[in-house]
């Protein structure tokens, strides 16, 4: 199916590339997750769908906090899932916890409108 959403629309973020990706993308939403986290698995499909829906406008990325603990320290992440919203290289908002897709979409629209 040509319009099928794929995880390839979502950037893989690590401690090593996160600064570069934040600077390269005018708007970036970063999903901080871990494989063992149930709520993280719950919102994972929403992240992929939103990445496809907003392709070319807002970039989406995922960072495994177990494999890249530096981001957790840098942004004070103590609960997952946490979504970090960056605009023009600056952290402008965050969501802690799993929200339904419409609520996540509203946050993305607010990021665009800033």
PDB file of N, CA and C in Angstrom:
ATOM      1  N   UNK A   1       0.844  -1.173   0.000  1.00  0.00           N
ATOM      2  CA  UNK A   1       0.000   0.000   0.000  1.00  0.00           C
ATOM      3  C   UNK A   1       0.894   1.243   0.000  1.00  0.00           C
ATOM      4  N   UNK A   2       0.693   2.141  -0.919  1.00  0.00           N
ATOM      5  CA  UNK A   2       1.577   3.290  -1.088  1.00  0.00           C
ATOM      6  C   UNK A   2       1.530   4.262   0.089  1.00  0.00           C
ATOM      7  N   UNK A   3       0.398   4.426   0.736  1.00  0.00           N
ATOM      8  CA  UNK A   3       0.268   5.384   1.828  1.00  0.00           C
ATOM      9  C   UNK A   3       0.519   4.768   3.195  1.00  0.00           C
ATOM     10  N   UNK A   4       0.992   3.559   3.224  1.00  0.00           N
ATOM     11  CA  UNK A   4       1.217   2.891   4.504  1.00  0.00           C
ATOM     12  C   UNK A   4       2.265   3.646   5.319  1.00  0.00           C
ATOM     13  N   UNK A   5       1.944   3.866   6.578  1.00  0.00           N
ATOM     14  CA  UNK A   5       2.853   4.560   7.482  1.00  0.00           C
ATOM     15  C   UNK A   5       3.941   3.597   7.932  1.00  0.00           C
ATOM     16  N   UNK A   6       5.162   4.064   7.930  1.00  0.00           N
ATOM     17  CA  UNK A   6       6.257   3.212   8.371  1.00  0.00           C
ATOM     18  C   UNK A   6       7.063   3.909   9.449  1.00  0.00           C
ATOM     19  N   UNK A   7       7.721   3.099  10.235  1.00  0.00           N
ATOM     20  CA  UNK A   7       8.566   3.639  11.291  1.00  0.00           C
ATOM     21  C   UNK A   7       9.755   4.414  10.716  1.00  0.00           C
ATOM     22  N   UNK A   8      10.011   4.259   9.408  1.00  0.00           N
ATOM     23  CA  UNK A   8      11.132   4.978   8.799  1.00  0.00           C
ATOM     24  C   UNK A   8      10.899   6.489   8.784  1.00  0.00           C
ATOM     25  N   UNK A   9       9.652   6.923   8.993  1.00  0.00           N
ATOM     26  CA  UNK A   9       9.358   8.350   9.084  1.00  0.00           C
ATOM     27  C   UNK A   9       9.822   8.933  10.417  1.00  0.00           C
ATOM     28  N   UNK A  10      10.194   8.068  11.364  1.00  0.00           N
ATOM     29  CA  UNK A  10      10.590   8.491  12.706  1.00  0.00           C
ATOM     30  C   UNK A  10      12.113   8.390  12.827  1.00  0.00           C
ATOM     31  N   UNK A  11      12.733   9.488  13.259  1.00  0.00           N
ATOM     32  CA  UNK A  11      14.186   9.523  13.424  1.00  0.00           C
ATOM     33  C   UNK A  11      14.614   8.704  14.634  1.00  0.00           C
ATOM     34  N   UNK A  12      15.726   8.007  14.511  1.00  0.00           N
ATOM     35  CA  UNK A  12      16.299   7.310  15.660  1.00  0.00           C
ATOM     36  C   UNK A  12      17.292   8.268  16.315  1.00  0.00           C
ATOM     37  N   UNK A  13      16.982   8.644  17.540  1.00  0.00           N
ATOM     38  CA  UNK A  13      17.801   9.624  18.244  1.00  0.00           C
ATOM     39  C   UNK A  13      18.615   8.918  19.325  1.00  0.00           C
ATOM     40  N   UNK A  14      19.846   9.359  19.470  1.00  0.00           N
ATOM     41  CA  UNK A  14      20.749   8.821  20.488  1.00  0.00           C
ATOM     42  C   UNK A  14      21.414   9.994  21.212  1.00  0.00           C
ATOM     43  N   UNK A  15      22.129   9.688  22.271  1.00  0.00           N
ATOM     44  CA  UNK A  15      22.904  10.726  22.957  1.00  0.00           C
ATOM     45  C   UNK A  15      23.853  11.422  21.974  1.00  0.00           C
ATOM     46  N   UNK A  16      24.401  10.644  21.035  1.00  0.00           N
ATOM     47  CA  UNK A  16      25.409  11.168  20.115  1.00  0.00           C
ATOM     48  C   UNK A  16      24.849  12.108  19.048  1.00  0.00           C
ATOM     49  N   UNK A  17      23.598  11.887  18.609  1.00  0.00           N
ATOM     50  CA  UNK A  17      23.092  12.700  17.498  1.00  0.00           C
ATOM     51  C   UNK A  17      21.979  13.674  17.888  1.00  0.00           C
ATOM     52  N   UNK A  18      21.556  13.663  19.148  1.00  0.00           N
ATOM     53  CA  UNK A  18      20.379  14.461  19.518  1.00  0.00           C
ATOM     54  C   UNK A  18      20.607  15.957  19.333  1.00  0.00           C
ATOM     55  N   UNK A  19      21.758  16.486  19.689  1.00  0.00           N
ATOM     56  CA  UNK A  19      22.006  17.923  19.509  1.00  0.00           C
ATOM     57  C   UNK A  19      21.913  18.314  18.036  1.00  0.00           C
ATOM     58  N   UNK A  20      22.512  17.509  17.177  1.00  0.00           N
ATOM     59  CA  UNK A  20      22.490  17.773  15.737  1.00  0.00           C
ATOM     60  C   UNK A  20      21.067  17.735  15.200  1.00  0.00           C
ATOM     61  N   UNK A  21      20.291  16.718  15.584  1.00  0.00           N
ATOM     62  CA  UNK A  21      18.925  16.596  15.070  1.00  0.00           C
ATOM     63  C   UNK A  21      18.016  17.713  15.575  1.00  0.00           C
ATOM     64  N   UNK A  22      18.222  18.152  16.809  1.00  0.00           N
ATOM     65  CA  UNK A  22      17.438  19.273  17.339  1.00  0.00           C
ATOM     66  C   UNK A  22      17.731  20.532  16.526  1.00  0.00           C
ATOM     67  N   UNK A  23      18.994  20.743  16.171  1.00  0.00           N
ATOM     68  CA  UNK A  23      19.375  21.933  15.408  1.00  0.00           C
ATOM     69  C   UNK A  23      18.945  21.846  13.944  1.00  0.00           C
ATOM     70  N   UNK A  24      18.962  20.633  13.375  1.00  0.00           N
ATOM     71  CA  UNK A  24      18.634  20.443  11.961  1.00  0.00           C
ATOM     72  C   UNK A  24      17.143  20.574  11.664  1.00  0.00           C
ATOM     73  N   UNK A  25      16.302  20.342  12.642  1.00  0.00           N
ATOM     74  CA  UNK A  25      14.862  20.328  12.425  1.00  0.00           C
ATOM     75  C   UNK A  25      14.212  21.518  13.125  1.00  0.00           C
ATOM     76  N   UNK A  26      13.535  22.357  12.349  1.00  0.00           N
ATOM     77  CA  UNK A  26      12.888  23.547  12.904  1.00  0.00           C
ATOM     78  C   UNK A  26      11.914  23.153  14.010  1.00  0.00           C
ATOM     79  N   UNK A  27      11.146  22.100  13.758  1.00  0.00           N
ATOM     80  CA  UNK A  27      10.215  21.574  14.762  1.00  0.00           C
ATOM     81  C   UNK A  27      10.467  20.080  14.897  1.00  0.00           C
ATOM     82  N   UNK A  28      10.652  19.640  16.135  1.00  0.00           N
ATOM     83  CA  UNK A  28      10.971  18.244  16.408  1.00  0.00           C
ATOM     84  C   UNK A  28      10.247  17.794  17.669  1.00  0.00           C
ATOM     85  N   UNK A  29       9.591  16.643  17.574  1.00  0.00           N
ATOM     86  CA  UNK A  29       8.959  16.012  18.728  1.00  0.00           C
ATOM     87  C   UNK A  29       9.742  14.740  19.013  1.00  0.00           C
ATOM     88  N   UNK A  30      10.244  14.619  20.241  1.00  0.00           N
ATOM     89  CA  UNK A  30      11.059  13.474  20.627  1.00  0.00           C
ATOM     90  C   UNK A  30      10.310  12.634  21.649  1.00  0.00           C
ATOM     91  N   UNK A  31      10.093  11.368  21.313  1.00  0.00           N
ATOM     92  CA  UNK A  31       9.453  10.401  22.202  1.00  0.00           C
ATOM     93  C   UNK A  31      10.545   9.695  22.995  1.00  0.00           C
ATOM     94  N   UNK A  32      10.612   9.963  24.291  1.00  0.00           N
ATOM     95  CA  UNK A  32      11.566   9.311  25.183  1.00  0.00           C
ATOM     96  C   UNK A  32      10.874   8.082  25.754  1.00  0.00           C
ATOM     97  N   UNK A  33      11.415   6.906  25.465  1.00  0.00           N
ATOM     98  CA  UNK A  33      10.733   5.658  25.785  1.00  0.00           C
ATOM     99  C   UNK A  33      11.736   4.588  26.226  1.00  0.00           C
ATOM    100  N   UNK A  34      11.188   3.434  26.618  1.00  0.00           N
ATOM    101  CA  UNK A  34      11.974   2.221  26.845  1.00  0.00           C
ATOM    102  C   UNK A  34      11.131   1.040  26.358  1.00  0.00           C
ATOM    103  N   UNK A  35      11.797   0.005  25.884  1.00  0.00           N
ATOM    104  CA  UNK A  35      11.088  -1.164  25.336  1.00  0.00           C
ATOM    105  C   UNK A  35      10.184  -1.839  26.362  1.00  0.00           C
ATOM    106  N   UNK A  36      10.561  -1.794  27.636  1.00  0.00           N
ATOM    107  CA  UNK A  36       9.805  -2.488  28.676  1.00  0.00           C
ATOM    108  C   UNK A  36       8.600  -1.685  29.160  1.00  0.00           C
ATOM    109  N   UNK A  37       8.443  -0.459  28.709  1.00  0.00           N
ATOM    110  CA  UNK A  37       7.416   0.464  29.202  1.00  0.00           C
ATOM    111  C   UNK A  37       6.094   0.253  28.454  1.00  0.00           C
ATOM    112  N   UNK A  38       5.081  -0.217  29.162  1.00  0.00           N
ATOM    113  CA  UNK A  38       3.764  -0.462  28.561  1.00  0.00           C
ATOM    114  C   UNK A  38       3.130   0.785  27.962  1.00  0.00           C
ATOM    115  N   UNK A  39       3.037   1.893  28.717  1.00  0.00           N
ATOM    116  CA  UNK A  39       2.465   3.110  28.141  1.00  0.00           C
ATOM    117  C   UNK A  39       3.255   3.619  26.923  1.00  0.00           C
ATOM    118  N   UNK A  40       4.560   3.387  26.908  1.00  0.00           N
ATOM    119  CA  UNK A  40       5.382   3.783  25.758  1.00  0.00           C
ATOM    120  C   UNK A  40       4.964   2.994  24.519  1.00  0.00           C
ATOM    121  N   UNK A  41       4.725   1.696  24.705  1.00  0.00           N
ATOM    122  CA  UNK A  41       4.277   0.854  23.585  1.00  0.00           C
ATOM    123  C   UNK A  41       2.887   1.270  23.118  1.00  0.00           C
ATOM    124  N   UNK A  42       2.079   1.778  24.048  1.00  0.00           N
ATOM    125  CA  UNK A  42       0.721   2.210  23.716  1.00  0.00           C
ATOM    126  C   UNK A  42       0.736   3.401  22.759  1.00  0.00           C
ATOM    127  N   UNK A  43       1.620   4.376  22.976  1.00  0.00           N
ATOM    128  CA  UNK A  43       1.627   5.563  22.115  1.00  0.00           C
ATOM    129  C   UNK A  43       2.540   5.423  20.897  1.00  0.00           C
ATOM    130  N   UNK A  44       3.372   4.387  20.845  1.00  0.00           N
ATOM    131  CA  UNK A  44       4.313   4.218  19.731  1.00  0.00           C
ATOM    132  C   UNK A  44       3.638   4.298  18.358  1.00  0.00           C
ATOM    133  N   UNK A  45       2.492   3.630  18.153  1.00  0.00           N
ATOM    134  CA  UNK A  45       1.853   3.739  16.835  1.00  0.00           C
ATOM    135  C   UNK A  45       1.389   5.163  16.526  1.00  0.00           C
ATOM    136  N   UNK A  46       0.996   5.912  17.551  1.00  0.00           N
ATOM    137  CA  UNK A  46       0.556   7.296  17.339  1.00  0.00           C
ATOM    138  C   UNK A  46       1.714   8.145  16.830  1.00  0.00           C
ATOM    139  N   UNK A  47       2.902   7.903  17.381  1.00  0.00           N
ATOM    140  CA  UNK A  47       4.085   8.660  16.973  1.00  0.00           C
ATOM    141  C   UNK A  47       4.380   8.402  15.495  1.00  0.00           C
ATOM    142  N   UNK A  48       4.306   7.144  15.085  1.00  0.00           N
ATOM    143  CA  UNK A  48       4.558   6.792  13.684  1.00  0.00           C
ATOM    144  C   UNK A  48       3.508   7.438  12.778  1.00  0.00           C
ATOM    145  N   UNK A  49       2.237   7.384  13.192  1.00  0.00           N
ATOM    146  CA  UNK A  49       1.162   7.974  12.388  1.00  0.00           C
ATOM    147  C   UNK A  49       1.326   9.495  12.279  1.00  0.00           C
ATOM    148  N   UNK A  50       1.636  10.155  13.391  1.00  0.00           N
ATOM    149  CA  UNK A  50       1.815  11.604  13.373  1.00  0.00           C
ATOM    150  C   UNK A  50       3.028  11.993  12.531  1.00  0.00           C
ATOM    151  N   UNK A  51       4.085  11.196  12.587  1.00  0.00           N
ATOM    152  CA  UNK A  51       5.282  11.471  11.774  1.00  0.00           C
ATOM    153  C   UNK A  51       4.922  11.464  10.292  1.00  0.00           C
ATOM    154  N   UNK A  52       4.060  10.549   9.907  1.00  0.00           N
ATOM    155  CA  UNK A  52       3.622  10.476   8.514  1.00  0.00           C
ATOM    156  C   UNK A  52       2.701  11.646   8.170  1.00  0.00           C
ATOM    157  N   UNK A  53       1.769  11.961   9.062  1.00  0.00           N
ATOM    158  CA  UNK A  53       0.801  13.040   8.825  1.00  0.00           C
ATOM    159  C   UNK A  53       1.476  14.405   8.727  1.00  0.00           C
ATOM    160  N   UNK A  54       2.525  14.621   9.503  1.00  0.00           N
ATOM    161  CA  UNK A  54       3.187  15.929   9.552  1.00  0.00           C
ATOM    162  C   UNK A  54       4.514  15.951   8.807  1.00  0.00           C
ATOM    163  N   UNK A  55       4.756  14.944   7.988  1.00  0.00           N
ATOM    164  CA  UNK A  55       6.019  14.848   7.248  1.00  0.00           C
ATOM    165  C   UNK A  55       6.248  16.133   6.456  1.00  0.00           C
ATOM    166  N   UNK A  56       7.435  16.681   6.588  1.00  0.00           N
ATOM    167  CA  UNK A  56       7.766  17.918   5.902  1.00  0.00           C
ATOM    168  C   UNK A  56       7.463  19.158   6.733  1.00  0.00           C
ATOM    169  N   UNK A  57       6.680  19.009   7.798  1.00  0.00           N
ATOM    170  CA  UNK A  57       6.352  20.141   8.674  1.00  0.00           C
ATOM    171  C   UNK A  57       7.006  19.985  10.041  1.00  0.00           C
ATOM    172  N   UNK A  58       6.813  18.807  10.642  1.00  0.00           N
ATOM    173  CA  UNK A  58       7.336  18.520  11.979  1.00  0.00           C
ATOM    174  C   UNK A  58       8.054  17.180  11.910  1.00  0.00           C
ATOM    175  N   UNK A  59       9.265  17.139  12.418  1.00  0.00           N
ATOM    176  CA  UNK A  59      10.014  15.882  12.489  1.00  0.00           C
ATOM    177  C   UNK A  59       9.690  15.187  13.806  1.00  0.00           C
ATOM    178  N   UNK A  60       9.675  13.868  13.783  1.00  0.00           N
ATOM    179  CA  UNK A  60       9.441  13.064  14.971  1.00  0.00           C
ATOM    180  C   UNK A  60      10.610  12.115  15.154  1.00  0.00           C
ATOM    181  N   UNK A  61      11.002  11.938  16.408  1.00  0.00           N
ATOM    182  CA  UNK A  61      12.086  11.025  16.718  1.00  0.00           C
ATOM    183  C   UNK A  61      11.798  10.252  17.986  1.00  0.00           C
ATOM    184  N   UNK A  62      12.511   9.154  18.140  1.00  0.00           N
ATOM    185  CA  UNK A  62      12.380   8.320  19.339  1.00  0.00           C
ATOM    186  C   UNK A  62      13.766   8.102  19.919  1.00  0.00           C
ATOM    187  N   UNK A  63      13.830   8.158  21.255  1.00  0.00           N
ATOM    188  CA  UNK A  63      15.095   7.876  21.925  1.00  0.00           C
ATOM    189  C   UNK A  63      14.838   6.901  23.065  1.00  0.00           C
ATOM    190  N   UNK A  64      15.576   5.804  23.056  1.00  0.00           N
ATOM    191  CA  UNK A  64      15.482   4.795  24.105  1.00  0.00           C
ATOM    192  C   UNK A  64      16.310   5.288  25.290  1.00  0.00           C
ATOM    193  N   UNK A  65      15.635   5.629  26.377  1.00  0.00           N
ATOM    194  CA  UNK A  65      16.326   6.213  27.524  1.00  0.00           C
ATOM    195  C   UNK A  65      17.278   5.233  28.203  1.00  0.00           C
ATOM    196  N   UNK A  66      17.055   3.934  28.026  1.00  0.00           N
ATOM    197  CA  UNK A  66      17.976   2.950  28.598  1.00  0.00           C
ATOM    198  C   UNK A  66      19.290   2.921  27.828  1.00  0.00           C
ATOM    199  N   UNK A  67      19.214   3.129  26.512  1.00  0.00           N
ATOM    200  CA  UNK A  67      20.417   3.091  25.680  1.00  0.00           C
ATOM    201  C   UNK A  67      21.102   4.457  25.592  1.00  0.00           C
ATOM    202  N   UNK A  68      20.348   5.515  25.865  1.00  0.00           N
ATOM    203  CA  UNK A  68      20.895   6.878  25.779  1.00  0.00           C
ATOM    204  C   UNK A  68      20.506   7.673  27.026  1.00  0.00           C
ATOM    205  N   UNK A  69      21.139   7.382  28.156  1.00  0.00           N
ATOM    206  CA  UNK A  69      20.764   8.030  29.414  1.00  0.00           C
ATOM    207  C   UNK A  69      21.134   9.510  29.496  1.00  0.00           C
ATOM    208  N   UNK A  70      22.006   9.974  28.625  1.00  0.00           N
ATOM    209  CA  UNK A  70      22.418  11.377  28.661  1.00  0.00           C
ATOM    210  C   UNK A  70      21.259  12.334  28.431  1.00  0.00           C
ATOM    211  N   UNK A  71      20.348  11.972  27.534  1.00  0.00           N
ATOM    212  CA  UNK A  71      19.189  12.826  27.260  1.00  0.00           C
ATOM    213  C   UNK A  71      18.303  12.918  28.496  1.00  0.00           C
ATOM    214  N   UNK A  72      18.150  11.805  29.205  1.00  0.00           N
ATOM    215  CA  UNK A  72      17.351  11.812  30.437  1.00  0.00           C
ATOM    216  C   UNK A  72      17.929  12.790  31.452  1.00  0.00           C
ATOM    217  N   UNK A  73      19.235  12.760  31.604  1.00  0.00           N
ATOM    218  CA  UNK A  73      19.894  13.684  32.529  1.00  0.00           C
ATOM    219  C   UNK A  73      19.758  15.128  32.043  1.00  0.00           C
ATOM    220  N   UNK A  74      20.013  15.342  30.771  1.00  0.00           N
ATOM    221  CA  UNK A  74      20.005  16.691  30.208  1.00  0.00           C
ATOM    222  C   UNK A  74      18.643  17.362  30.351  1.00  0.00           C
ATOM    223  N   UNK A  75      17.559  16.594  30.161  1.00  0.00           N
ATOM    224  CA  UNK A  75      16.218  17.178  30.172  1.00  0.00           C
ATOM    225  C   UNK A  75      15.403  16.794  31.403  1.00  0.00           C
ATOM    226  N   UNK A  76      16.034  16.182  32.403  1.00  0.00           N
ATOM    227  CA  UNK A  76      15.355  15.865  33.653  1.00  0.00           C
ATOM    228  C   UNK A  76      14.192  14.894  33.496  1.00  0.00           C
ATOM    229  N   UNK A  77      14.370  13.891  32.662  1.00  0.00           N
ATOM    230  CA  UNK A  77      13.303  12.918  32.430  1.00  0.00           C
ATOM    231  C   UNK A  77      13.354  11.861  33.527  1.00  0.00           C
ATOM    232  N   UNK A  78      12.277  11.798  34.302  1.00  0.00           N
ATOM    233  CA  UNK A  78      12.216  10.808  35.374  1.00  0.00           C
ATOM    234  C   UNK A  78      11.041   9.847  35.195  1.00  0.00           C
ATOM    235  N   UNK A  79      10.159  10.129  34.248  1.00  0.00           N
ATOM    236  CA  UNK A  79       9.022   9.260  33.937  1.00  0.00           C
ATOM    237  C   UNK A  79       8.916   9.127  32.428  1.00  0.00           C
ATOM    238  N   UNK A  80       8.517   7.938  31.995  1.00  0.00           N
ATOM    239  CA  UNK A  80       8.311   7.724  30.570  1.00  0.00           C
ATOM    240  C   UNK A  80       6.932   7.113  30.359  1.00  0.00           C
ATOM    241  N   UNK A  81       6.330   7.353  29.217  1.00  0.00           N
ATOM    242  CA  UNK A  81       6.860   8.142  28.120  1.00  0.00           C
ATOM    243  C   UNK A  81       6.853   9.634  28.436  1.00  0.00           C
ATOM    244  N   UNK A  82       7.856  10.306  27.904  1.00  0.00           N
ATOM    245  CA  UNK A  82       7.910  11.763  27.924  1.00  0.00           C
ATOM    246  C   UNK A  82       8.135  12.206  26.486  1.00  0.00           C
ATOM    247  N   UNK A  83       7.330  13.154  26.040  1.00  0.00           N
ATOM    248  CA  UNK A  83       7.515  13.744  24.721  1.00  0.00           C
ATOM    249  C   UNK A  83       8.093  15.141  24.903  1.00  0.00           C
ATOM    250  N   UNK A  84       9.181  15.415  24.200  1.00  0.00           N
ATOM    251  CA  UNK A  84       9.829  16.719  24.234  1.00  0.00           C
ATOM    252  C   UNK A  84       9.530  17.431  22.919  1.00  0.00           C
ATOM    253  N   UNK A  85       9.121  18.679  23.011  1.00  0.00           N
ATOM    254  CA  UNK A  85       8.779  19.477  21.832  1.00  0.00           C
ATOM    255  C   UNK A  85       9.816  20.581  21.662  1.00  0.00           C
ATOM    256  N   UNK A  86      10.507  20.551  20.520  1.00  0.00           N
ATOM    257  CA  UNK A  86      11.538  21.536  20.222  1.00  0.00           C
ATOM    258  C   UNK A  86      11.099  22.401  19.053  1.00  0.00           C
ATOM    259  N   UNK A  87      11.377  23.687  19.161  1.00  0.00           N
ATOM    260  CA  UNK A  87      11.153  24.605  18.048  1.00  0.00           C
ATOM    261  C   UNK A  87      12.363  25.519  17.953  1.00  0.00           C
ATOM    262  N   UNK A  88      12.920  25.592  16.754  1.00  0.00           N
ATOM    263  CA  UNK A  88      14.112  26.414  16.508  1.00  0.00           C
ATOM    264  C   UNK A  88      15.233  26.105  17.502  1.00  0.00           C
ATOM    265  N   UNK A  89      15.419  24.821  17.794  1.00  0.00           N
ATOM    266  CA  UNK A  89      16.519  24.389  18.649  1.00  0.00           C
ATOM    267  C   UNK A  89      16.295  24.510  20.140  1.00  0.00           C
ATOM    268  N   UNK A  90      15.113  24.969  20.543  1.00  0.00           N
ATOM    269  CA  UNK A  90      14.836  25.156  21.977  1.00  0.00           C
ATOM    270  C   UNK A  90      13.683  24.266  22.431  1.00  0.00           C
ATOM    271  N   UNK A  91      13.826  23.711  23.624  1.00  0.00           N
ATOM    272  CA  UNK A  91      12.738  22.939  24.226  1.00  0.00           C
ATOM    273  C   UNK A  91      11.631  23.911  24.620  1.00  0.00           C
ATOM    274  N   UNK A  92      10.432  23.715  24.055  1.00  0.00           N
ATOM    275  CA  UNK A  92       9.332  24.645  24.312  1.00  0.00           C
ATOM    276  C   UNK A  92       8.160  24.015  25.059  1.00  0.00           C
ATOM    277  N   UNK A  93       8.110  22.679  25.120  1.00  0.00           N
ATOM    278  CA  UNK A  93       7.001  22.018  25.814  1.00  0.00           C
ATOM    279  C   UNK A  93       7.379  20.566  26.053  1.00  0.00           C
ATOM    280  N   UNK A  94       6.628  19.918  26.927  1.00  0.00           N
ATOM    281  CA  UNK A  94       6.804  18.487  27.163  1.00  0.00           C
ATOM    282  C   UNK A  94       5.488  17.902  27.641  1.00  0.00           C
ATOM    283  N   UNK A  95       5.313  16.620  27.370  1.00  0.00           N
ATOM    284  CA  UNK A  95       4.173  15.840  27.869  1.00  0.00           C
ATOM    285  C   UNK A  95       4.757  14.648  28.605  1.00  0.00           C
ATOM    286  N   UNK A  96       4.260  14.409  29.798  1.00  0.00           N
ATOM    287  CA  UNK A  96       4.675  13.229  30.552  1.00  0.00           C
ATOM    288  C   UNK A  96       3.472  12.303  30.643  1.00  0.00           C
ATOM    289  N   UNK A  97       3.655  11.058  30.207  1.00  0.00           N
ATOM    290  CA  UNK A  97       2.576  10.081  30.247  1.00  0.00           C
ATOM    291  C   UNK A  97       1.976   9.844  28.872  1.00  0.00           C
ATOM    292  N   UNK A  98       1.179   8.788  28.796  1.00  0.00           N
ATOM    293  CA  UNK A  98       0.546   8.391  27.535  1.00  0.00           C
ATOM    294  C   UNK A  98      -0.773   9.131  27.368  1.00  0.00           C
ATOM    295  N   UNK A  99      -0.891   9.847  26.263  1.00  0.00           N
ATOM    296  CA  UNK A  99      -2.125  10.541  25.935  1.00  0.00           C
ATOM    297  C   UNK A  99      -2.711   9.933  24.665  1.00  0.00           C
ATOM    298  N   UNK A 100      -4.026  10.083  24.476  1.00  0.00           N
ATOM    299  CA  UNK A 100      -4.622   9.594  23.226  1.00  0.00           C
ATOM    300  C   UNK A 100      -4.122  10.418  22.035  1.00  0.00           C
ATOM    301  N   UNK A 101      -4.202   9.838  20.863  1.00  0.00           N
ATOM    302  CA  UNK A 101      -3.689  10.493  19.661  1.00  0.00           C
ATOM    303  C   UNK A 101      -4.271  11.896  19.458  1.00  0.00           C
ATOM    304  N   UNK A 102      -5.582  12.131  19.641  1.00  0.00           N
ATOM    305  CA  UNK A 102      -6.093  13.494  19.430  1.00  0.00           C
ATOM    306  C   UNK A 102      -5.422  14.532  20.342  1.00  0.00           C
ATOM    307  N   UNK A 103      -5.115  14.162  21.566  1.00  0.00           N
ATOM    308  CA  UNK A 103      -4.446  15.082  22.488  1.00  0.00           C
ATOM    309  C   UNK A 103      -3.010  15.351  22.032  1.00  0.00           C
ATOM    310  N   UNK A 104      -2.338  14.318  21.537  1.00  0.00           N
ATOM    311  CA  UNK A 104      -0.982  14.501  21.014  1.00  0.00           C
ATOM    312  C   UNK A 104      -1.007  15.395  19.780  1.00  0.00           C
ATOM    313  N   UNK A 105      -1.999  15.181  18.933  1.00  0.00           N
ATOM    314  CA  UNK A 105      -2.136  15.990  17.717  1.00  0.00           C
ATOM    315  C   UNK A 105      -2.375  17.458  18.079  1.00  0.00           C
ATOM    316  N   UNK A 106      -3.170  17.700  19.101  1.00  0.00           N
ATOM    317  CA  UNK A 106      -3.412  19.077  19.559  1.00  0.00           C
ATOM    318  C   UNK A 106      -2.112  19.749  19.995  1.00  0.00           C
ATOM    319  N   UNK A 107      -1.244  18.996  20.680  1.00  0.00           N
ATOM    320  CA  UNK A 107       0.052  19.538  21.116  1.00  0.00           C
ATOM    321  C   UNK A 107       0.947  19.859  19.920  1.00  0.00           C
ATOM    322  N   UNK A 108       0.901  18.997  18.903  1.00  0.00           N
ATOM    323  CA  UNK A 108       1.689  19.234  17.703  1.00  0.00           C
ATOM    324  C   UNK A 108       1.179  20.485  16.978  1.00  0.00           C
ATOM    325  N   UNK A 109      -0.130  20.617  16.900  1.00  0.00           N
ATOM    326  CA  UNK A 109      -0.718  21.809  16.262  1.00  0.00           C
ATOM    327  C   UNK A 109      -0.324  23.077  17.047  1.00  0.00           C
ATOM    328  N   UNK A 110      -0.289  22.993  18.371  1.00  0.00           N
ATOM    329  CA  UNK A 110       0.122  24.128  19.185  1.00  0.00           C
ATOM    330  C   UNK A 110       1.586  24.483  18.915  1.00  0.00           C
ATOM    331  N   UNK A 111       2.429  23.469  18.708  1.00  0.00           N
ATOM    332  CA  UNK A 111       3.838  23.696  18.387  1.00  0.00           C
ATOM    333  C   UNK A 111       3.955  24.450  17.069  1.00  0.00           C
ATOM    334  N   UNK A 112       3.188  24.046  16.092  1.00  0.00           N
ATOM    335  CA  UNK A 112       3.213  24.694  14.782  1.00  0.00           C
ATOM    336  C   UNK A 112       2.767  26.149  14.901  1.00  0.00           C
ATOM    337  N   UNK A 113       1.757  26.393  15.728  1.00  0.00           N
ATOM    338  CA  UNK A 113       1.184  27.724  15.862  1.00  0.00           C
ATOM    339  C   UNK A 113       2.069  28.693  16.655  1.00  0.00           C
ATOM    340  N   UNK A 114       3.052  28.172  17.401  1.00  0.00           N
ATOM    341  CA  UNK A 114       3.908  29.033  18.233  1.00  0.00           C
ATOM    342  C   UNK A 114       4.690  30.022  17.393  1.00  0.00           C
TER     343      UNK A 114
END
